[in-house]
Protein backbone atom coordinates (compact mmCIF):
# COMPACT_ATOMS: atom_id res chain seq x y z
CA MET A 1 3.22 -2.62 -36.88
CA PRO A 2 5.42 -2.66 -33.73
CA MET A 3 3.80 -3.24 -30.36
CA PHE A 4 4.71 0.19 -28.89
CA ARG A 5 2.75 1.88 -31.68
CA ARG A 6 -0.33 -0.25 -31.06
CA VAL A 7 -0.50 0.31 -27.29
CA PRO A 8 -2.36 3.50 -26.32
CA LYS A 9 -0.36 6.23 -24.61
CA ARG A 10 -2.19 7.81 -21.69
CA GLY A 11 -1.58 10.41 -19.08
CA PHE A 12 0.99 13.09 -18.62
CA ASN A 13 3.89 13.22 -16.20
CA ASN A 14 4.96 16.73 -15.31
CA LYS A 15 8.69 16.65 -14.68
CA TRP A 16 8.55 20.04 -12.92
CA SER A 17 5.88 19.09 -10.39
CA VAL A 18 6.68 19.09 -6.68
CA THR A 19 5.70 16.10 -4.55
CA VAL A 20 4.54 17.25 -1.13
CA PHE A 21 4.25 14.87 1.84
CA ALA A 22 1.76 15.93 4.53
CA VAL A 23 2.12 15.25 8.27
CA ASN A 24 -0.56 16.19 10.79
CA VAL A 25 0.17 17.96 14.06
CA SER A 26 -1.47 15.15 16.05
CA ARG A 27 1.05 12.63 14.71
CA LEU A 28 3.90 14.91 15.80
CA ASN A 29 2.35 15.11 19.26
CA ASP A 30 2.19 11.30 19.50
CA ALA A 31 5.69 10.59 18.15
CA PHE A 32 7.87 13.23 19.82
CA ASN A 33 8.64 14.24 23.41
CA ASP A 34 8.36 17.71 24.88
CA GLY A 35 11.26 19.93 23.77
CA ASP A 36 12.31 17.79 20.78
CA THR A 37 13.36 19.18 17.42
CA VAL A 38 11.42 17.79 14.47
CA THR A 39 13.55 17.59 11.31
CA LEU A 40 13.20 15.70 8.06
CA GLN A 41 15.63 13.06 9.35
CA THR A 42 13.73 12.52 12.62
CA LEU A 43 10.45 12.26 10.69
CA ALA A 44 11.98 9.52 8.54
CA ASP A 45 13.45 7.75 11.59
CA LYS A 46 10.03 7.60 13.26
CA ASN A 47 8.34 6.46 10.00
CA LEU A 48 6.20 9.58 9.72
CA ALA A 49 7.62 10.64 6.33
CA LYS A 50 7.86 7.61 4.05
CA GLY A 51 8.72 7.30 0.39
CA THR A 52 10.19 9.85 -1.96
CA PHE A 53 9.04 13.46 -1.83
CA ASP A 54 10.34 16.94 -2.52
CA GLU A 55 8.78 18.87 0.35
CA VAL A 56 7.09 18.27 3.71
CA LYS A 57 4.00 20.20 4.78
CA ILE A 58 2.74 20.24 8.35
CA LEU A 59 -1.06 20.28 8.57
CA GLY A 60 -3.17 21.41 11.53
CA ASP A 61 -5.39 18.34 11.95
CA GLY A 62 -5.56 17.31 15.61
CA GLU A 63 -4.18 18.84 18.77
CA ILE A 64 -0.64 19.43 20.00
CA SER A 65 0.29 19.93 23.64
CA LYS A 66 4.08 19.59 23.48
CA LYS A 67 6.63 22.34 22.95
CA LEU A 68 8.36 21.30 19.71
CA THR A 69 10.72 22.99 17.28
CA VAL A 70 9.43 21.97 13.87
CA GLN A 71 11.48 22.31 10.68
CA ALA A 72 9.58 21.81 7.41
CA HIS A 73 9.16 23.34 3.97
CA ARG A 74 5.52 24.40 4.40
CA PHE A 75 3.02 24.93 7.21
CA SER A 76 -0.73 25.44 7.11
CA LYS A 77 -2.01 28.47 9.01
CA SER A 78 -3.78 26.31 11.59
CA ALA A 79 -0.62 24.24 12.14
CA GLU A 80 1.45 27.39 12.72
CA GLU A 81 -1.12 28.67 15.22
CA LYS A 82 -1.31 25.36 17.10
CA ILE A 83 2.47 24.89 17.32
CA THR A 84 3.11 28.43 18.54
CA ALA A 85 0.15 28.27 20.97
CA ALA A 86 1.69 25.14 22.53
CA GLY A 87 4.95 27.09 23.06
CA GLY A 88 6.84 25.62 20.12
CA THR A 89 8.60 27.29 17.22
CA ILE A 90 8.50 26.79 13.47
CA GLU A 91 11.43 26.98 11.07
CA LYS A 92 10.82 27.04 7.34
CA ILE A 93 13.29 25.15 5.17
CA ALA A 94 14.08 26.60 1.75
CA ALA A 95 12.19 24.82 -1.01
CA LYS A 96 13.72 23.35 -4.13
CA ARG A 97 14.55 25.75 -6.91
CA THR A 98 11.80 26.55 -9.38
CA PRO A 99 12.35 25.96 -13.11
CA ASP A 100 12.77 29.72 -13.64
CA GLU A 101 15.50 29.86 -10.99
CA ARG A 102 17.32 26.91 -12.57
CA VAL A 103 17.22 28.58 -16.00
CA ALA A 104 18.53 31.83 -14.52
CA VAL A 105 21.48 30.03 -12.91
CA LEU A 106 22.31 28.30 -16.19
CA LYS A 107 22.19 31.61 -18.06
CA GLU A 108 24.53 33.23 -15.52
CA ALA A 109 26.96 30.33 -15.78
CA ASN A 110 27.07 30.53 -19.58
CA ALA A 111 27.41 34.33 -19.70
């Protein structure tokens, strides 16, 4: 019997799952200056968002005292409150398309 049939197969990899990378507000406060714009590129440049991911979520752990403009896919409620209380603004980036949206686009293209 071949080796690949003898080795047990375990786990499940969902090809539709979304990988979310989380960044805390306190890390933004430490890494950026007052009045800066926080984008996905600047997060990667400052080594706050490492690896491969589909979306970035800003979490409200810690304190923020700087006025920042933060662009991310998702925000926790506490992070939104803390950023706006410090005088900053939030900008939500559009997320990747869902599987249903991809199927709908394919159906429209074929019709």
